Amino acid sequence: QLEMEAVSKALAVLSGDDAHDLFSRTFNPSLAQVAATAASARREAAAKVLALAAKKASNPRLAALAFTVRLDAFERVKKAIDEMIEQLTKDKAAEIKHKDF
């Protein structure tokens, strides 16, 4: 009951106009997107150069490297997802233990 009350108050604060205005003033999504797009474009260009060199030299190792460079962008995302799942599993176990107590 107490947790539900605290969550309701937190949601009321976070969904209020003051919180929305503060978020709007401090968050600039265009800067984050430009950085991500620029890094993605460089990664894609490097992968293309490696793929062309692999094809020209008939080198499967270079082809594998090009493939790895292209997929490397997803490694951080996969790692973050795995960490979130691990943390949620720990939280679930702690919550079950707390409720059983």
PDB file of N, CA and C in Angstrom:
ATOM      1  N   GLN A   1       0.839  -1.190   0.000  1.00  0.00           N
ATOM      2  CA  GLN A   1       0.000   0.000   0.000  1.00  0.00           C
ATOM      3  C   GLN A   1       0.884   1.254   0.000  1.00  0.00           C
ATOM      4  N   LEU A   2       1.893   1.253   0.871  1.00  0.00           N
ATOM      5  CA  LEU A   2       2.793   2.397   0.970  1.00  0.00           C
ATOM      6  C   LEU A   2       3.589   2.589  -0.325  1.00  0.00           C
ATOM      7  N   GLU A   3       4.006   1.476  -0.936  1.00  0.00           N
ATOM      8  CA  GLU A   3       4.743   1.556  -2.199  1.00  0.00           C
ATOM      9  C   GLU A   3       3.876   2.145  -3.306  1.00  0.00           C
ATOM     10  N   MET A   4       2.632   1.726  -3.369  1.00  0.00           N
ATOM     11  CA  MET A   4       1.715   2.233  -4.397  1.00  0.00           C
ATOM     12  C   MET A   4       1.515   3.739  -4.233  1.00  0.00           C
ATOM     13  N   GLU A   5       1.425   4.186  -3.007  1.00  0.00           N
ATOM     14  CA  GLU A   5       1.243   5.605  -2.725  1.00  0.00           C
ATOM     15  C   GLU A   5       2.479   6.396  -3.169  1.00  0.00           C
ATOM     16  N   ALA A   6       3.667   5.855  -2.879  1.00  0.00           N
ATOM     17  CA  ALA A   6       4.911   6.517  -3.269  1.00  0.00           C
ATOM     18  C   ALA A   6       5.059   6.573  -4.786  1.00  0.00           C
ATOM     19  N   VAL A   7       4.702   5.484  -5.449  1.00  0.00           N
ATOM     20  CA  VAL A   7       4.779   5.450  -6.909  1.00  0.00           C
ATOM     21  C   VAL A   7       3.802   6.447  -7.515  1.00  0.00           C
ATOM     22  N   SER A   8       2.622   6.554  -6.963  1.00  0.00           N
ATOM     23  CA  SER A   8       1.628   7.514  -7.462  1.00  0.00           C
ATOM     24  C   SER A   8       2.139   8.940  -7.324  1.00  0.00           C
ATOM     25  N   LYS A   9       2.756   9.248  -6.186  1.00  0.00           N
ATOM     26  CA  LYS A   9       3.292  10.596  -5.985  1.00  0.00           C
ATOM     27  C   LYS A   9       4.434  10.870  -6.968  1.00  0.00           C
ATOM     28  N   ALA A  10       5.307   9.878  -7.169  1.00  0.00           N
ATOM     29  CA  ALA A  10       6.418  10.049  -8.101  1.00  0.00           C
ATOM     30  C   ALA A  10       5.909  10.278  -9.520  1.00  0.00           C
ATOM     31  N   LEU A  11       4.907   9.532  -9.923  1.00  0.00           N
ATOM     32  CA  LEU A  11       4.330   9.712 -11.262  1.00  0.00           C
ATOM     33  C   LEU A  11       3.688  11.084 -11.397  1.00  0.00           C
ATOM     34  N   ALA A  12       3.046  11.545 -10.347  1.00  0.00           N
ATOM     35  CA  ALA A  12       2.423  12.863 -10.390  1.00  0.00           C
ATOM     36  C   ALA A  12       3.488  13.944 -10.582  1.00  0.00           C
ATOM     37  N   VAL A  13       4.612  13.815  -9.888  1.00  0.00           N
ATOM     38  CA  VAL A  13       5.689  14.799 -10.022  1.00  0.00           C
ATOM     39  C   VAL A  13       6.298  14.732 -11.419  1.00  0.00           C
ATOM     40  N   LEU A  14       6.586  13.519 -11.886  1.00  0.00           N
ATOM     41  CA  LEU A  14       7.254  13.358 -13.176  1.00  0.00           C
ATOM     42  C   LEU A  14       6.372  13.728 -14.362  1.00  0.00           C
ATOM     43  N   SER A  15       5.079  13.600 -14.217  1.00  0.00           N
ATOM     44  CA  SER A  15       4.187  13.918 -15.340  1.00  0.00           C
ATOM     45  C   SER A  15       3.640  15.336 -15.246  1.00  0.00           C
ATOM     46  N   GLY A  16       4.084  16.091 -14.276  1.00  0.00           N
ATOM     47  CA  GLY A  16       3.626  17.472 -14.115  1.00  0.00           C
ATOM     48  C   GLY A  16       4.213  18.395 -15.161  1.00  0.00           C
ATOM     49  N   ASP A  17       3.638  19.586 -15.248  1.00  0.00           N
ATOM     50  CA  ASP A  17       4.088  20.569 -16.228  1.00  0.00           C
ATOM     51  C   ASP A  17       5.511  21.048 -15.958  1.00  0.00           C
ATOM     52  N   ASP A  18       5.867  21.199 -14.677  1.00  0.00           N
ATOM     53  CA  ASP A  18       7.222  21.652 -14.347  1.00  0.00           C
ATOM     54  C   ASP A  18       8.268  20.658 -14.833  1.00  0.00           C
ATOM     55  N   ALA A  19       8.017  19.372 -14.623  1.00  0.00           N
ATOM     56  CA  ALA A  19       8.960  18.343 -15.068  1.00  0.00           C
ATOM     57  C   ALA A  19       9.057  18.329 -16.590  1.00  0.00           C
ATOM     58  N   HIS A  20       7.929  18.484 -17.247  1.00  0.00           N
ATOM     59  CA  HIS A  20       7.916  18.492 -18.713  1.00  0.00           C
ATOM     60  C   HIS A  20       8.690  19.691 -19.250  1.00  0.00           C
ATOM     61  N   ASP A  21       8.504  20.865 -18.643  1.00  0.00           N
ATOM     62  CA  ASP A  21       9.221  22.056 -19.083  1.00  0.00           C
ATOM     63  C   ASP A  21      10.724  21.902 -18.875  1.00  0.00           C
ATOM     64  N   LEU A  22      11.114  21.366 -17.734  1.00  0.00           N
ATOM     65  CA  LEU A  22      12.529  21.160 -17.444  1.00  0.00           C
ATOM     66  C   LEU A  22      13.148  20.187 -18.446  1.00  0.00           C
ATOM     67  N   PHE A  23      12.433  19.121 -18.724  1.00  0.00           N
ATOM     68  CA  PHE A  23      12.921  18.143 -19.694  1.00  0.00           C
ATOM     69  C   PHE A  23      13.061  18.773 -21.073  1.00  0.00           C
ATOM     70  N   SER A  24      12.093  19.553 -21.466  1.00  0.00           N
ATOM     71  CA  SER A  24      12.124  20.192 -22.782  1.00  0.00           C
ATOM     72  C   SER A  24      13.287  21.173 -22.905  1.00  0.00           C
ATOM     73  N   ARG A  25      13.597  21.877 -21.813  1.00  0.00           N
ATOM     74  CA  ARG A  25      14.685  22.857 -21.855  1.00  0.00           C
ATOM     75  C   ARG A  25      16.051  22.193 -21.873  1.00  0.00           C
ATOM     76  N   THR A  26      16.204  21.080 -21.182  1.00  0.00           N
ATOM     77  CA  THR A  26      17.529  20.487 -21.021  1.00  0.00           C
ATOM     78  C   THR A  26      17.848  19.384 -22.013  1.00  0.00           C
ATOM     79  N   PHE A  27      16.860  18.804 -22.651  1.00  0.00           N
ATOM     80  CA  PHE A  27      17.096  17.685 -23.558  1.00  0.00           C
ATOM     81  C   PHE A  27      17.054  18.166 -24.992  1.00  0.00           C
ATOM     82  N   ASN A  28      18.115  17.864 -25.743  1.00  0.00           N
ATOM     83  CA  ASN A  28      18.177  18.239 -27.149  1.00  0.00           C
ATOM     84  C   ASN A  28      18.432  16.974 -27.969  1.00  0.00           C
ATOM     85  N   PRO A  29      17.380  16.332 -28.470  1.00  0.00           N
ATOM     86  CA  PRO A  29      17.556  15.063 -29.181  1.00  0.00           C
ATOM     87  C   PRO A  29      18.335  15.190 -30.486  1.00  0.00           C
ATOM     88  N   SER A  30      18.340  16.374 -31.096  1.00  0.00           N
ATOM     89  CA  SER A  30      19.040  16.501 -32.373  1.00  0.00           C
ATOM     90  C   SER A  30      20.547  16.303 -32.217  1.00  0.00           C
ATOM     91  N   LEU A  31      21.117  16.720 -31.076  1.00  0.00           N
ATOM     92  CA  LEU A  31      22.551  16.522 -30.873  1.00  0.00           C
ATOM     93  C   LEU A  31      22.897  15.055 -30.718  1.00  0.00           C
ATOM     94  N   ALA A  32      22.106  14.330 -29.976  1.00  0.00           N
ATOM     95  CA  ALA A  32      22.368  12.907 -29.774  1.00  0.00           C
ATOM     96  C   ALA A  32      22.222  12.145 -31.090  1.00  0.00           C
ATOM     97  N   GLN A  33      21.247  12.498 -31.881  1.00  0.00           N
ATOM     98  CA  GLN A  33      21.022  11.803 -33.143  1.00  0.00           C
ATOM     99  C   GLN A  33      22.144  12.068 -34.126  1.00  0.00           C
ATOM    100  N   VAL A  34      22.658  13.282 -34.176  1.00  0.00           N
ATOM    101  CA  VAL A  34      23.740  13.612 -35.099  1.00  0.00           C
ATOM    102  C   VAL A  34      24.981  12.798 -34.747  1.00  0.00           C
ATOM    103  N   ALA A  35      25.297  12.709 -33.474  1.00  0.00           N
ATOM    104  CA  ALA A  35      26.475  11.953 -33.061  1.00  0.00           C
ATOM    105  C   ALA A  35      26.316  10.484 -33.408  1.00  0.00           C
ATOM    106  N   ALA A  36      25.149   9.938 -33.159  1.00  0.00           N
ATOM    107  CA  ALA A  36      24.916   8.534 -33.461  1.00  0.00           C
ATOM    108  C   ALA A  36      24.949   8.289 -34.968  1.00  0.00           C
ATOM    109  N   THR A  37      24.403   9.214 -35.734  1.00  0.00           N
ATOM    110  CA  THR A  37      24.389   9.067 -37.186  1.00  0.00           C
ATOM    111  C   THR A  37      25.792   9.174 -37.755  1.00  0.00           C
ATOM    112  N   ALA A  38      26.590  10.103 -37.235  1.00  0.00           N
ATOM    113  CA  ALA A  38      27.954  10.272 -37.734  1.00  0.00           C
ATOM    114  C   ALA A  38      28.792   9.028 -37.441  1.00  0.00           C
ATOM    115  N   ALA A  39      28.673   8.493 -36.225  1.00  0.00           N
ATOM    116  CA  ALA A  39      29.425   7.289 -35.873  1.00  0.00           C
ATOM    117  C   ALA A  39      28.967   6.113 -36.724  1.00  0.00           C
ATOM    118  N   SER A  40      27.684   6.020 -36.960  1.00  0.00           N
ATOM    119  CA  SER A  40      27.140   4.940 -37.771  1.00  0.00           C
ATOM    120  C   SER A  40      27.634   5.048 -39.217  1.00  0.00           C
ATOM    121  N   ALA A  41      27.686   6.260 -39.731  1.00  0.00           N
ATOM    122  CA  ALA A  41      28.146   6.456 -41.109  1.00  0.00           C
ATOM    123  C   ALA A  41      29.629   6.076 -41.245  1.00  0.00           C
ATOM    124  N   ARG A  42      30.435   6.446 -40.252  1.00  0.00           N
ATOM    125  CA  ARG A  42      31.863   6.079 -40.294  1.00  0.00           C
ATOM    126  C   ARG A  42      32.033   4.568 -40.219  1.00  0.00           C
ATOM    127  N   ARG A  43      31.260   3.941 -39.359  1.00  0.00           N
ATOM    128  CA  ARG A  43      31.336   2.484 -39.212  1.00  0.00           C
ATOM    129  C   ARG A  43      30.932   1.798 -40.517  1.00  0.00           C
ATOM    130  N   GLU A  44      29.872   2.289 -41.127  1.00  0.00           N
ATOM    131  CA  GLU A  44      29.400   1.697 -42.386  1.00  0.00           C
ATOM    132  C   GLU A  44      30.428   1.891 -43.502  1.00  0.00           C
ATOM    133  N   ALA A  45      31.045   3.062 -43.552  1.00  0.00           N
ATOM    134  CA  ALA A  45      32.070   3.329 -44.571  1.00  0.00           C
ATOM    135  C   ALA A  45      33.273   2.400 -44.385  1.00  0.00           C
ATOM    136  N   ALA A  46      33.685   2.210 -43.134  1.00  0.00           N
ATOM    137  CA  ALA A  46      34.810   1.305 -42.859  1.00  0.00           C
ATOM    138  C   ALA A  46      34.455  -0.125 -43.264  1.00  0.00           C
ATOM    139  N   ALA A  47      33.223  -0.536 -42.977  1.00  0.00           N
ATOM    140  CA  ALA A  47      32.793  -1.884 -43.344  1.00  0.00           C
ATOM    141  C   ALA A  47      32.796  -2.059 -44.863  1.00  0.00           C
ATOM    142  N   LYS A  48      32.376  -1.031 -45.594  1.00  0.00           N
ATOM    143  CA  LYS A  48      32.355  -1.109 -47.060  1.00  0.00           C
ATOM    144  C   LYS A  48      33.773  -1.223 -47.623  1.00  0.00           C
ATOM    145  N   VAL A  49      34.699  -0.429 -47.070  1.00  0.00           N
ATOM    146  CA  VAL A  49      36.082  -0.481 -47.539  1.00  0.00           C
ATOM    147  C   VAL A  49      36.665  -1.867 -47.284  1.00  0.00           C
ATOM    148  N   LEU A  50      36.426  -2.398 -46.091  1.00  0.00           N
ATOM    149  CA  LEU A  50      36.929  -3.736 -45.781  1.00  0.00           C
ATOM    150  C   LEU A  50      36.305  -4.803 -46.672  1.00  0.00           C
ATOM    151  N   ALA A  51      35.014  -4.673 -46.936  1.00  0.00           N
ATOM    152  CA  ALA A  51      34.335  -5.655 -47.791  1.00  0.00           C
ATOM    153  C   ALA A  51      34.885  -5.611 -49.217  1.00  0.00           C
ATOM    154  N   LEU A  52      35.115  -4.403 -49.726  1.00  0.00           N
ATOM    155  CA  LEU A  52      35.685  -4.281 -51.071  1.00  0.00           C
ATOM    156  C   LEU A  52      37.099  -4.861 -51.132  1.00  0.00           C
ATOM    157  N   ALA A  53      37.897  -4.569 -50.107  1.00  0.00           N
ATOM    158  CA  ALA A  53      39.257  -5.116 -50.070  1.00  0.00           C
ATOM    159  C   ALA A  53      39.225  -6.638 -49.968  1.00  0.00           C
ATOM    160  N   ALA A  54      38.285  -7.163 -49.206  1.00  0.00           N
ATOM    161  CA  ALA A  54      38.153  -8.617 -49.072  1.00  0.00           C
ATOM    162  C   ALA A  54      37.774  -9.255 -50.406  1.00  0.00           C
ATOM    163  N   LYS A  55      36.869  -8.606 -51.104  1.00  0.00           N
ATOM    164  CA  LYS A  55      36.433  -9.141 -52.401  1.00  0.00           C
ATOM    165  C   LYS A  55      37.572  -9.088 -53.421  1.00  0.00           C
ATOM    166  N   LYS A  56      38.284  -7.960 -53.427  1.00  0.00           N
ATOM    167  CA  LYS A  56      39.380  -7.780 -54.373  1.00  0.00           C
ATOM    168  C   LYS A  56      40.508  -8.783 -54.117  1.00  0.00           C
ATOM    169  N   ALA A  57      40.815  -9.012 -52.843  1.00  0.00           N
ATOM    170  CA  ALA A  57      41.915  -9.913 -52.487  1.00  0.00           C
ATOM    171  C   ALA A  57      41.447 -11.351 -52.285  1.00  0.00           C
ATOM    172  N   SER A  58      40.151 -11.591 -52.402  1.00  0.00           N
ATOM    173  CA  SER A  58      39.570 -12.915 -52.132  1.00  0.00           C
ATOM    174  C   SER A  58      40.025 -13.434 -50.763  1.00  0.00           C
ATOM    175  N   ASN A  59      39.901 -12.554 -49.770  1.00  0.00           N
ATOM    176  CA  ASN A  59      40.368 -12.855 -48.427  1.00  0.00           C
ATOM    177  C   ASN A  59      39.165 -12.993 -47.485  1.00  0.00           C
ATOM    178  N   PRO A  60      38.873 -14.235 -47.048  1.00  0.00           N
ATOM    179  CA  PRO A  60      37.727 -14.425 -46.170  1.00  0.00           C
ATOM    180  C   PRO A  60      37.903 -13.789 -44.783  1.00  0.00           C
ATOM    181  N   ARG A  61      39.143 -13.623 -44.352  1.00  0.00           N
ATOM    182  CA  ARG A  61      39.373 -12.983 -43.049  1.00  0.00           C
ATOM    183  C   ARG A  61      38.960 -11.511 -43.086  1.00  0.00           C
ATOM    184  N   LEU A  62      39.287 -10.844 -44.176  1.00  0.00           N
ATOM    185  CA  LEU A  62      38.855  -9.449 -44.317  1.00  0.00           C
ATOM    186  C   LEU A  62      37.337  -9.361 -44.411  1.00  0.00           C
ATOM    187  N   ALA A  63      36.725 -10.301 -45.092  1.00  0.00           N
ATOM    188  CA  ALA A  63      35.266 -10.318 -45.189  1.00  0.00           C
ATOM    189  C   ALA A  63      34.639 -10.501 -43.807  1.00  0.00           C
ATOM    190  N   ALA A  64      35.225 -11.384 -43.021  1.00  0.00           N
ATOM    191  CA  ALA A  64      34.729 -11.602 -41.655  1.00  0.00           C
ATOM    192  C   ALA A  64      34.914 -10.352 -40.806  1.00  0.00           C
ATOM    193  N   LEU A  65      36.036  -9.671 -40.994  1.00  0.00           N
ATOM    194  CA  LEU A  65      36.289  -8.435 -40.257  1.00  0.00           C
ATOM    195  C   LEU A  65      35.273  -7.356 -40.642  1.00  0.00           C
ATOM    196  N   ALA A  66      34.973  -7.254 -41.922  1.00  0.00           N
ATOM    197  CA  ALA A  66      33.973  -6.283 -42.383  1.00  0.00           C
ATOM    198  C   ALA A  66      32.614  -6.580 -41.763  1.00  0.00           C
ATOM    199  N   PHE A  67      32.270  -7.837 -41.712  1.00  0.00           N
ATOM    200  CA  PHE A  67      31.001  -8.256 -41.115  1.00  0.00           C
ATOM    201  C   PHE A  67      30.976  -7.923 -39.626  1.00  0.00           C
ATOM    202  N   THR A  68      32.095  -8.153 -38.945  1.00  0.00           N
ATOM    203  CA  THR A  68      32.193  -7.858 -37.513  1.00  0.00           C
ATOM    204  C   THR A  68      32.072  -6.362 -37.258  1.00  0.00           C
ATOM    205  N   VAL A  69      32.726  -5.559 -38.091  1.00  0.00           N
ATOM    206  CA  VAL A  69      32.643  -4.099 -37.937  1.00  0.00           C
ATOM    207  C   VAL A  69      31.202  -3.638 -38.096  1.00  0.00           C
ATOM    208  N   ARG A  70      30.509  -4.204 -39.052  1.00  0.00           N
ATOM    209  CA  ARG A  70      29.118  -3.812 -39.291  1.00  0.00           C
ATOM    210  C   ARG A  70      28.226  -4.194 -38.111  1.00  0.00           C
ATOM    211  N   LEU A  71      28.466  -5.336 -37.506  1.00  0.00           N
ATOM    212  CA  LEU A  71      27.616  -5.802 -36.405  1.00  0.00           C
ATOM    213  C   LEU A  71      28.054  -5.271 -35.046  1.00  0.00           C
ATOM    214  N   ASP A  72      29.242  -4.699 -34.957  1.00  0.00           N
ATOM    215  CA  ASP A  72      29.769  -4.244 -33.670  1.00  0.00           C
ATOM    216  C   ASP A  72      28.887  -3.186 -33.021  1.00  0.00           C
ATOM    217  N   ALA A  73      28.171  -2.422 -33.795  1.00  0.00           N
ATOM    218  CA  ALA A  73      27.293  -1.392 -33.240  1.00  0.00           C
ATOM    219  C   ALA A  73      26.231  -2.001 -32.340  1.00  0.00           C
ATOM    220  N   PHE A  74      25.843  -3.228 -32.611  1.00  0.00           N
ATOM    221  CA  PHE A  74      24.795  -3.865 -31.822  1.00  0.00           C
ATOM    222  C   PHE A  74      25.328  -4.515 -30.554  1.00  0.00           C
ATOM    223  N   GLU A  75      26.643  -4.649 -30.441  1.00  0.00           N
ATOM    224  CA  GLU A  75      27.214  -5.302 -29.266  1.00  0.00           C
ATOM    225  C   GLU A  75      26.894  -4.537 -27.989  1.00  0.00           C
ATOM    226  N   ARG A  76      27.001  -3.214 -28.038  1.00  0.00           N
ATOM    227  CA  ARG A  76      26.702  -2.415 -26.846  1.00  0.00           C
ATOM    228  C   ARG A  76      25.234  -2.532 -26.469  1.00  0.00           C
ATOM    229  N   VAL A  77      24.384  -2.566 -27.470  1.00  0.00           N
ATOM    230  CA  VAL A  77      22.952  -2.696 -27.207  1.00  0.00           C
ATOM    231  C   VAL A  77      22.653  -4.059 -26.595  1.00  0.00           C
ATOM    232  N   LYS A  78      23.236  -5.113 -27.166  1.00  0.00           N
ATOM    233  CA  LYS A  78      23.023  -6.457 -26.619  1.00  0.00           C
ATOM    234  C   LYS A  78      23.550  -6.559 -25.201  1.00  0.00           C
ATOM    235  N   LYS A  79      24.708  -5.941 -24.938  1.00  0.00           N
ATOM    236  CA  LYS A  79      25.284  -5.972 -23.596  1.00  0.00           C
ATOM    237  C   LYS A  79      24.368  -5.247 -22.608  1.00  0.00           C
ATOM    238  N   ALA A  80      23.847  -4.103 -23.010  1.00  0.00           N
ATOM    239  CA  ALA A  80      22.947  -3.347 -22.129  1.00  0.00           C
ATOM    240  C   ALA A  80      21.671  -4.128 -21.840  1.00  0.00           C
ATOM    241  N   ILE A  81      21.143  -4.802 -22.845  1.00  0.00           N
ATOM    242  CA  ILE A  81      19.939  -5.606 -22.655  1.00  0.00           C
ATOM    243  C   ILE A  81      20.223  -6.765 -21.707  1.00  0.00           C
ATOM    244  N   ASP A  82      21.359  -7.431 -21.894  1.00  0.00           N
ATOM    245  CA  ASP A  82      21.733  -8.528 -20.999  1.00  0.00           C
ATOM    246  C   ASP A  82      21.886  -8.048 -19.558  1.00  0.00           C
ATOM    247  N   GLU A  83      22.492  -6.869 -19.378  1.00  0.00           N
ATOM    248  CA  GLU A  83      22.658  -6.319 -18.034  1.00  0.00           C
ATOM    249  C   GLU A  83      21.299  -5.984 -17.403  1.00  0.00           C
ATOM    250  N   MET A  84      20.385  -5.445 -18.204  1.00  0.00           N
ATOM    251  CA  MET A  84      19.052  -5.133 -17.677  1.00  0.00           C
ATOM    252  C   MET A  84      18.320  -6.398 -17.265  1.00  0.00           C
ATOM    253  N   ILE A  85      18.429  -7.443 -18.075  1.00  0.00           N
ATOM    254  CA  ILE A  85      17.772  -8.710 -17.748  1.00  0.00           C
ATOM    255  C   ILE A  85      18.357  -9.280 -16.465  1.00  0.00           C
ATOM    256  N   GLU A  86      19.666  -9.211 -16.339  1.00  0.00           N
ATOM    257  CA  GLU A  86      20.323  -9.714 -15.130  1.00  0.00           C
ATOM    258  C   GLU A  86      19.854  -8.940 -13.897  1.00  0.00           C
ATOM    259  N   GLN A  87      19.781  -7.619 -14.012  1.00  0.00           N
ATOM    260  CA  GLN A  87      19.349  -6.796 -12.883  1.00  0.00           C
ATOM    261  C   GLN A  87      17.884  -7.066 -12.536  1.00  0.00           C
ATOM    262  N   LEU A  88      17.039  -7.213 -13.538  1.00  0.00           N
ATOM    263  CA  LEU A  88      15.627  -7.507 -13.280  1.00  0.00           C
ATOM    264  C   LEU A  88      15.453  -8.870 -12.619  1.00  0.00           C
ATOM    265  N   THR A  89      16.270  -9.828 -13.022  1.00  0.00           N
ATOM    266  CA  THR A  89      16.215 -11.155 -12.404  1.00  0.00           C
ATOM    267  C   THR A  89      16.603 -11.068 -10.933  1.00  0.00           C
ATOM    268  N   LYS A  90      17.663 -10.294 -10.639  1.00  0.00           N
ATOM    269  CA  LYS A  90      18.081 -10.110  -9.251  1.00  0.00           C
ATOM    270  C   LYS A  90      16.997  -9.408  -8.438  1.00  0.00           C
ATOM    271  N   ASP A  91      16.399  -8.364  -9.031  1.00  0.00           N
ATOM    272  CA  ASP A  91      15.332  -7.639  -8.340  1.00  0.00           C
ATOM    273  C   ASP A  91      14.137  -8.547  -8.062  1.00  0.00           C
ATOM    274  N   LYS A  92      13.809  -9.379  -9.035  1.00  0.00           N
ATOM    275  CA  LYS A  92      12.683 -10.304  -8.875  1.00  0.00           C
ATOM    276  C   LYS A  92      12.960 -11.281  -7.738  1.00  0.00           C
ATOM    277  N   ALA A  93      14.172 -11.831  -7.718  1.00  0.00           N
ATOM    278  CA  ALA A  93      14.531 -12.782  -6.665  1.00  0.00           C
ATOM    279  C   ALA A  93      14.493 -12.107  -5.291  1.00  0.00           C
ATOM    280  N   ALA A  94      14.994 -10.875  -5.209  1.00  0.00           N
ATOM    281  CA  ALA A  94      14.983 -10.152  -3.940  1.00  0.00           C
ATOM    282  C   ALA A  94      13.554  -9.844  -3.497  1.00  0.00           C
ATOM    283  N   GLU A  95      12.709  -9.499  -4.449  1.00  0.00           N
ATOM    284  CA  GLU A  95      11.314  -9.195  -4.124  1.00  0.00           C
ATOM    285  C   GLU A  95      10.578 -10.446  -3.647  1.00  0.00           C
ATOM    286  N   ILE A  96      10.824 -11.563  -4.300  1.00  0.00           N
ATOM    287  CA  ILE A  96      10.199 -12.828  -3.869  1.00  0.00           C
ATOM    288  C   ILE A  96      10.676 -13.210  -2.486  1.00  0.00           C
ATOM    289  N   LYS A  97      11.962 -13.046  -2.242  1.00  0.00           N
ATOM    290  CA  LYS A  97      12.527 -13.358  -0.925  1.00  0.00           C
ATOM    291  C   LYS A  97      11.919 -12.456   0.142  1.00  0.00           C
ATOM    292  N   HIS A  98      11.758 -11.168  -0.196  1.00  0.00           N
ATOM    293  CA  HIS A  98      11.180 -10.212   0.752  1.00  0.00           C
ATOM    294  C   HIS A  98       9.721 -10.549   1.049  1.00  0.00           C
ATOM    295  N   LYS A  99       8.976 -10.918   0.022  1.00  0.00           N
ATOM    296  CA  LYS A  99       7.557 -11.255   0.233  1.00  0.00           C
ATOM    297  C   LYS A  99       7.395 -12.552   1.010  1.00  0.00           C
ATOM    298  N   ASP A 100       8.294 -13.514   0.796  1.00  0.00           N
ATOM    299  CA  ASP A 100       8.228 -14.776   1.518  1.00  0.00           C
ATOM    300  C   ASP A 100       8.590 -14.597   2.974  1.00  0.00           C
ATOM    301  N   PHE A 101       9.386 -13.583   3.279  1.00  0.00           N
ATOM    302  CA  PHE A 101       9.823 -13.340   4.653  1.00  0.00           C
ATOM    303  C   PHE A 101       8.672 -12.813   5.432  1.00  0.00           C
TER     304      PHE A 101
END
